Amino acid sequence: MIDAAKLFKALACAAALAATGPAAMAADFPTKPIKLVVPYAPGGTIDIVGRLLAPKLNALLGQPVIIDNRPGGGTMIGANTVARAEADGHTLFLGSNAAFTISPQIMPKVPYDPLHSFAAIGTLASFPNIILVTPQSPYKSIADVVQAARASPGKLSYASFGIGSTAELSGEGLKVASGAEITEVPYKSGNLCVQAILSGEVSFGFDTAIGSVQRVQSGQLRALAVTSPKRLPALPGVPSIAEAGYPGTEVVAWIALFAPAATPAPTLKKLEGAFEQLMKDPEIQKKLAEMGIEVSFLDGQATMQMMRDEYARFGKLIEKAKIHAAE
């Protein structure tokens, strides 16, 4: 015969354990190395940021932080790796617009839901692209480029760093806003874009701020504009794209951190607090500023809202510009 008192006690203990489980997990977290999945090859902007943050996060949480580079698929390979990972906070995704608000709207097959397969931990930083020409180029401004493109439709070309990149959105946005016919030439990286600009393969091109701030400062390249709503502190003499005559075409790349959607809320909160603390580190802020990256921490909830808004805004541009990847 079942002892009712013992049964009640057992059920009460089980309920207490269930109620305190997530909190206990967060208190113990992390219990093993943290894998930081980067959807680009080593040496890219987000990879550099990840490697800057990794030792600091190790010191803060007491576990090694391993960078796991998973390039390809318009960043969707890396994103899908994390979407399918165990939701315990030990596998994280260091991603950007591409994986969430761009590639899923232009790729024919998307293996995850960009707005529901992940839990945002927070936005860490942001940076614009720079529109670049050689110092010998006849184009001194965006207006010069647009005027030349209108005079000779299809003759001018620009280098982007890939289908689904923020560079492509910037270039196609400029084309839509100006009505100019300019041919996109996609490359696999910002470095290849720079080589194409310097060699004369294209009329102008894009690179990230981290890739070419120093090239502009040294005189190797000339900047026509930055794609952010305001000027870049590292290049105070270069106009924003709005100042250059095309407000509404701003495209700013952001870097944010994500975990699988089912990750317990206490674990997410602990990670959010850790990364917010990291982004206040003067050394990190100084190093990022030198690369043209602005620290702009947003918590997980604000990050998800920002993504929803951007998904809708970029979706309209993608539809209008007829941007799509090949089947």
Protein backbone atom coordinates (compact mmCIF):
# COMPACT_ATOMS: atom_id res chain seq x y z
CA MET A 1 0.00 0.00 0.00
CA ILE A 2 1.31 3.45 -0.93
CA ASP A 3 2.21 5.73 1.97
CA ALA A 4 0.37 8.97 1.14
CA ALA A 5 2.63 11.11 3.31
CA LYS A 6 5.80 9.77 1.64
CA LEU A 7 4.27 10.17 -1.82
CA PHE A 8 3.31 13.77 -1.08
CA LYS A 9 6.84 14.48 0.18
CA ALA A 10 8.40 12.93 -2.93
CA LEU A 11 6.17 14.94 -5.23
CA ALA A 12 6.95 18.13 -3.32
CA CYS A 13 10.69 17.49 -3.65
CA ALA A 14 10.34 16.83 -7.37
CA ALA A 15 8.39 20.04 -7.83
CA ALA A 16 11.00 21.99 -5.91
CA LEU A 17 13.79 20.54 -8.03
CA ALA A 18 11.89 21.35 -11.22
CA ALA A 19 11.32 24.91 -10.06
CA THR A 20 14.93 25.49 -9.11
CA GLY A 21 16.45 23.53 -12.00
CA PRO A 22 17.04 26.40 -14.44
CA ALA A 23 18.34 28.66 -11.68
CA ALA A 24 20.70 25.96 -10.48
CA MET A 25 21.90 25.40 -14.04
CA ALA A 26 22.61 29.13 -14.43
CA ALA A 27 24.47 29.18 -11.11
CA ASP A 28 26.70 26.34 -12.27
CA PHE A 29 27.04 27.58 -15.85
CA PRO A 30 29.41 27.24 -17.58
CA THR A 31 30.50 23.72 -16.75
CA LYS A 32 32.64 23.09 -19.83
CA PRO A 33 34.37 25.07 -22.63
CA ILE A 34 32.21 27.50 -24.56
CA LYS A 35 32.20 27.18 -28.33
CA LEU A 36 31.83 30.48 -30.18
CA VAL A 37 30.73 29.73 -33.75
CA VAL A 38 31.85 32.34 -36.28
CA PRO A 39 30.26 32.05 -39.76
CA TYR A 40 33.33 33.39 -41.57
CA ALA A 41 36.85 32.23 -42.26
CA PRO A 42 39.66 33.28 -39.90
CA GLY A 43 40.79 36.87 -40.34
CA GLY A 44 37.41 38.43 -41.09
CA THR A 45 35.82 41.22 -39.07
CA ILE A 46 33.66 39.03 -36.83
CA ASP A 47 36.44 36.49 -36.38
CA ILE A 48 38.78 39.25 -35.19
CA VAL A 49 36.16 40.51 -32.74
CA GLY A 50 35.55 36.97 -31.46
CA ARG A 51 39.25 36.42 -30.83
CA LEU A 52 39.46 39.75 -29.02
CA LEU A 53 36.58 38.82 -26.71
CA ALA A 54 37.45 35.14 -26.13
CA PRO A 55 40.25 35.53 -23.53
CA LYS A 56 38.27 38.17 -21.65
CA LEU A 57 35.22 35.91 -21.52
CA ASN A 58 37.44 33.04 -20.36
CA ALA A 59 38.68 35.17 -17.46
CA LEU A 60 35.15 36.27 -16.60
CA LEU A 61 33.40 32.88 -16.70
CA GLY A 62 36.30 30.57 -15.85
CA GLN A 63 36.02 28.31 -18.89
CA PRO A 64 38.00 28.23 -22.16
CA VAL A 65 36.32 29.91 -25.14
CA ILE A 66 36.96 28.17 -28.46
CA ILE A 67 36.45 29.94 -31.79
CA ASP A 68 34.80 27.57 -34.28
CA ASN A 69 34.93 28.97 -37.83
CA ARG A 70 32.05 27.69 -40.02
CA PRO A 71 32.11 29.78 -43.23
CA GLY A 72 29.83 29.38 -46.23
CA GLY A 73 26.19 29.39 -47.25
CA GLY A 74 25.76 33.13 -46.83
CA THR A 75 26.64 32.56 -43.12
CA MET A 76 23.77 30.07 -42.82
CA ILE A 77 26.07 27.06 -42.24
CA GLY A 78 27.38 28.53 -39.01
CA ALA A 79 23.95 29.73 -37.93
CA ASN A 80 22.34 26.35 -38.51
CA THR A 81 25.11 24.65 -36.50
CA VAL A 82 24.06 26.67 -33.46
CA ALA A 83 20.32 26.45 -34.12
CA ARG A 84 20.65 22.63 -33.87
CA ALA A 85 23.12 22.59 -30.96
CA GLU A 86 22.28 21.54 -27.41
CA ALA A 87 20.49 24.46 -25.76
CA ASP A 88 22.67 24.69 -22.66
CA GLY A 89 24.55 27.93 -23.37
CA HIS A 90 27.83 26.26 -24.27
CA THR A 91 27.44 26.72 -28.04
CA LEU A 92 26.95 30.33 -29.13
CA PHE A 93 26.73 32.13 -32.45
CA LEU A 94 28.61 35.35 -33.11
CA GLY A 95 26.72 36.63 -36.12
CA SER A 96 25.54 39.66 -38.03
CA ASN A 97 22.76 40.91 -40.29
CA ALA A 98 23.67 38.38 -42.97
CA ALA A 99 22.46 35.30 -41.07
CA PHE A 100 19.24 36.86 -39.79
CA THR A 101 17.89 39.72 -41.90
CA ILE A 102 19.54 39.28 -45.31
CA SER A 103 20.44 35.72 -46.37
CA PRO A 104 17.14 34.18 -45.19
CA GLN A 105 15.29 36.61 -47.49
CA ILE A 106 17.33 35.91 -50.61
CA MET A 107 18.46 32.29 -50.35
CA PRO A 108 16.22 29.61 -51.90
CA LYS A 109 16.46 27.27 -48.90
CA VAL A 110 16.83 28.32 -45.27
CA PRO A 111 17.36 25.51 -42.72
CA TYR A 112 16.27 27.59 -39.70
CA ASP A 113 13.83 30.35 -38.76
CA PRO A 114 15.90 33.54 -38.38
CA LEU A 115 13.48 35.13 -35.92
CA HIS A 116 12.49 32.05 -33.89
CA SER A 117 15.31 29.47 -33.93
CA PHE A 118 17.56 31.59 -31.71
CA ALA A 119 17.54 33.48 -28.43
CA ALA A 120 19.44 36.75 -28.62
CA ILE A 121 21.96 37.41 -25.86
CA GLY A 122 22.78 40.91 -27.04
CA THR A 123 24.12 43.20 -29.74
CA LEU A 124 27.76 43.99 -29.08
CA ALA A 125 28.87 46.50 -31.70
CA SER A 126 28.22 47.93 -35.14
CA PHE A 127 30.18 49.27 -38.07
CA PRO A 128 29.44 50.71 -41.52
CA ASN A 129 30.89 49.88 -44.87
CA ILE A 130 33.01 52.38 -46.76
CA ILE A 131 32.47 53.24 -50.42
CA LEU A 132 35.95 53.35 -51.95
CA VAL A 133 37.83 54.38 -55.07
CA THR A 134 41.51 54.68 -55.93
CA PRO A 135 43.22 58.01 -55.25
CA GLN A 136 43.51 58.43 -59.05
CA SER A 137 39.79 57.91 -59.67
CA PRO A 138 37.90 60.75 -61.37
CA TYR A 139 35.08 60.24 -58.87
CA LYS A 140 35.36 62.56 -55.89
CA SER A 141 31.86 61.98 -54.52
CA ILE A 142 28.81 59.74 -54.75
CA ALA A 143 27.24 62.41 -56.94
CA ASP A 144 30.10 61.98 -59.42
CA VAL A 145 29.51 58.21 -59.53
CA VAL A 146 25.78 58.58 -60.08
CA GLN A 147 26.26 61.22 -62.77
CA ALA A 148 28.74 59.00 -64.65
CA ALA A 149 26.46 55.96 -64.32
CA ARG A 150 23.49 57.86 -65.69
CA ALA A 151 25.55 59.14 -68.61
CA SER A 152 26.75 55.60 -69.48
CA PRO A 153 24.19 53.05 -68.20
CA GLY A 154 25.75 49.72 -67.30
CA LYS A 155 29.32 50.87 -67.88
CA LEU A 156 30.24 51.39 -64.22
CA SER A 157 30.67 48.45 -61.85
CA TYR A 158 31.08 48.03 -58.12
CA ALA A 159 32.68 45.36 -55.95
CA SER A 160 30.65 43.80 -53.16
CA PHE A 161 31.84 41.13 -50.77
CA GLY A 162 29.24 38.60 -51.75
CA ILE A 163 25.60 37.90 -52.47
CA GLY A 164 23.58 38.66 -49.35
CA SER A 165 26.24 40.91 -47.83
CA THR A 166 25.62 44.36 -46.38
CA ALA A 167 27.81 45.64 -49.22
CA GLU A 168 25.35 44.27 -51.77
CA LEU A 169 22.41 45.84 -49.94
CA SER A 170 24.25 49.18 -49.87
CA GLY A 171 25.14 49.02 -53.57
CA GLU A 172 21.71 47.91 -54.72
CA GLY A 173 20.07 50.45 -52.42
CA LEU A 174 22.09 53.20 -54.05
CA LYS A 175 21.07 51.96 -57.50
CA VAL A 176 17.38 51.92 -56.56
CA ALA A 177 17.51 55.36 -54.93
CA SER A 178 19.47 57.00 -57.76
CA GLY A 179 17.97 55.13 -60.70
CA ALA A 180 21.47 54.51 -62.03
CA GLU A 181 22.48 51.29 -63.80
CA ILE A 182 25.63 49.93 -62.18
CA THR A 183 26.85 46.34 -62.45
CA GLU A 184 27.56 44.44 -59.25
CA VAL A 185 30.69 42.25 -59.18
CA PRO A 186 30.53 40.01 -56.08
CA TYR A 187 33.75 38.82 -54.45
CA LYS A 188 34.29 36.48 -51.52
CA SER A 189 35.74 39.01 -49.09
CA GLY A 190 36.41 42.66 -48.42
CA ASN A 191 40.11 42.11 -49.15
CA LEU A 192 39.27 40.84 -52.63
CA CYS A 193 37.06 43.88 -53.15
CA VAL A 194 39.97 46.14 -52.27
CA GLN A 195 42.23 44.30 -54.72
CA ALA A 196 39.61 44.73 -57.45
CA ILE A 197 39.35 48.46 -56.74
CA LEU A 198 43.13 48.96 -56.74
CA SER A 199 43.60 46.95 -59.94
CA GLY A 200 40.87 48.82 -61.80
CA GLU A 201 38.64 45.76 -62.24
CA VAL A 202 35.71 47.83 -60.93
CA SER A 203 34.80 51.52 -60.87
CA PHE A 204 34.34 51.58 -57.09
CA GLY A 205 33.64 49.16 -54.30
CA PHE A 206 32.90 48.45 -50.68
CA ASP A 207 34.89 47.27 -47.71
CA THR A 208 34.11 47.14 -44.02
CA ALA A 209 35.34 49.92 -41.77
CA ILE A 210 37.62 47.47 -39.98
CA GLY A 211 39.14 46.46 -43.31
CA SER A 212 39.85 49.86 -44.81
CA VAL A 213 39.88 52.69 -42.26
CA GLN A 214 43.67 52.49 -42.20
CA ARG A 215 43.84 52.25 -46.01
CA VAL A 216 41.92 55.52 -46.25
CA GLN A 217 43.97 57.17 -43.51
CA SER A 218 47.20 56.17 -45.27
CA GLY A 219 46.00 57.42 -48.66
CA GLN A 220 45.98 54.00 -50.33
CA LEU A 221 42.26 54.44 -51.06
CA ARG A 222 39.85 57.38 -51.14
CA ALA A 223 36.52 57.15 -49.34
CA LEU A 224 33.44 58.65 -50.98
CA ALA A 225 31.04 57.92 -48.12
CA VAL A 226 30.28 55.62 -45.21
CA THR A 227 27.01 53.69 -45.17
CA SER A 228 25.98 54.67 -41.64
CA PRO A 229 23.48 57.40 -40.67
CA LYS A 230 26.31 59.50 -39.24
CA ARG A 231 30.00 59.99 -39.91
CA LEU A 232 32.56 57.55 -38.63
CA PRO A 233 34.73 59.06 -35.86
CA ALA A 234 37.82 57.39 -37.35
CA LEU A 235 37.15 59.17 -40.69
CA PRO A 236 35.60 62.52 -39.71
CA GLY A 237 36.11 64.03 -43.16
CA VAL A 238 34.08 61.37 -44.97
CA PRO A 239 30.34 62.06 -45.37
CA SER A 240 27.62 59.64 -44.38
CA ILE A 241 25.53 58.22 -47.21
CA ALA A 242 22.68 60.53 -46.15
CA GLU A 243 24.98 63.56 -46.36
CA ALA A 244 26.09 62.30 -49.77
CA GLY A 245 22.51 62.72 -50.95
CA TYR A 246 20.87 59.35 -50.33
CA PRO A 247 19.11 59.23 -46.96
CA GLY A 248 17.18 56.03 -46.39
CA THR A 249 19.87 53.83 -47.95
CA GLU A 250 21.85 53.40 -44.73
CA VAL A 251 23.06 49.86 -44.04
CA VAL A 252 25.04 49.26 -40.87
CA ALA A 253 26.50 45.87 -40.02
CA TRP A 254 26.03 44.76 -36.44
CA ILE A 255 27.64 42.01 -34.40
CA ALA A 256 25.42 40.12 -32.00
CA LEU A 257 25.49 36.99 -29.91
CA PHE A 258 22.90 34.20 -29.99
CA ALA A 259 22.12 30.85 -28.40
CA PRO A 260 19.67 28.12 -29.45
CA ALA A 261 16.07 29.19 -28.81
CA ALA A 262 15.44 26.70 -25.98
CA THR A 263 18.37 27.88 -23.84
CA PRO A 264 17.14 28.46 -20.25
CA ALA A 265 16.38 32.10 -19.44
CA PRO A 266 18.73 32.21 -16.38
CA THR A 267 21.64 31.03 -18.54
CA LEU A 268 20.84 33.66 -21.18
CA LYS A 269 20.70 36.31 -18.47
CA LYS A 270 24.10 35.27 -17.11
CA LEU A 271 25.62 35.44 -20.61
CA GLU A 272 23.94 38.77 -21.30
CA GLY A 273 25.43 40.24 -18.12
CA ALA A 274 28.88 38.87 -18.94
CA PHE A 275 28.94 40.34 -22.43
CA GLU A 276 27.53 43.66 -21.29
CA GLN A 277 30.39 43.83 -18.80
CA LEU A 278 32.91 42.91 -21.51
CA MET A 279 31.73 45.71 -23.80
CA LYS A 280 32.43 48.23 -21.02
CA ASP A 281 36.07 47.12 -20.88
CA PRO A 282 38.20 50.18 -21.86
CA GLU A 283 40.77 48.00 -23.65
CA ILE A 284 38.10 46.36 -25.81
CA GLN A 285 36.43 49.71 -26.57
CA LYS A 286 39.76 51.25 -27.55
CA LYS A 287 40.77 48.38 -29.84
CA LEU A 288 37.37 48.29 -31.54
CA ALA A 289 37.31 52.08 -32.02
CA GLU A 290 40.70 51.91 -33.72
CA MET A 291 39.17 49.47 -36.19
CA GLY A 292 36.16 51.68 -36.92
CA ILE A 293 33.79 49.58 -34.80
CA GLU A 294 31.40 51.31 -32.41
CA VAL A 295 30.45 49.55 -29.19
CA SER A 296 26.66 49.68 -28.94
CA PHE A 297 25.40 47.05 -26.51
CA LEU A 298 21.71 46.13 -26.67
CA ASP A 299 20.20 43.47 -24.42
CA GLY A 300 18.62 40.33 -25.82
CA GLN A 301 15.07 41.68 -25.94
CA ALA A 302 16.10 44.90 -27.68
CA THR A 303 18.21 42.90 -30.12
CA MET A 304 15.24 40.74 -31.15
CA GLN A 305 13.09 43.84 -31.75
CA MET A 306 15.87 45.49 -33.78
CA MET A 307 16.10 42.34 -35.91
CA ARG A 308 12.36 42.23 -36.53
CA ASP A 309 12.36 45.88 -37.63
CA GLU A 310 15.39 45.40 -39.87
CA TYR A 311 14.00 42.21 -41.39
CA ALA A 312 10.97 44.18 -42.57
CA ARG A 313 13.02 47.14 -43.81
CA PHE A 314 15.57 45.03 -45.68
CA GLY A 315 12.79 42.87 -47.07
CA LYS A 316 11.29 45.87 -48.85
CA LEU A 317 14.67 46.81 -50.34
CA ILE A 318 15.41 43.21 -51.39
CA GLU A 319 12.05 43.00 -53.15
CA LYS A 320 12.42 46.39 -54.83
CA ALA A 321 16.00 45.73 -55.96
CA LYS A 322 15.15 42.14 -56.97
CA ILE A 323 18.08 40.73 -54.99
CA HIS A 324 18.19 36.94 -54.91
CA ALA A 325 20.70 34.12 -54.85
CA ALA A 326 20.89 31.54 -57.59
CA GLU A 327 18.96 28.32 -57.12
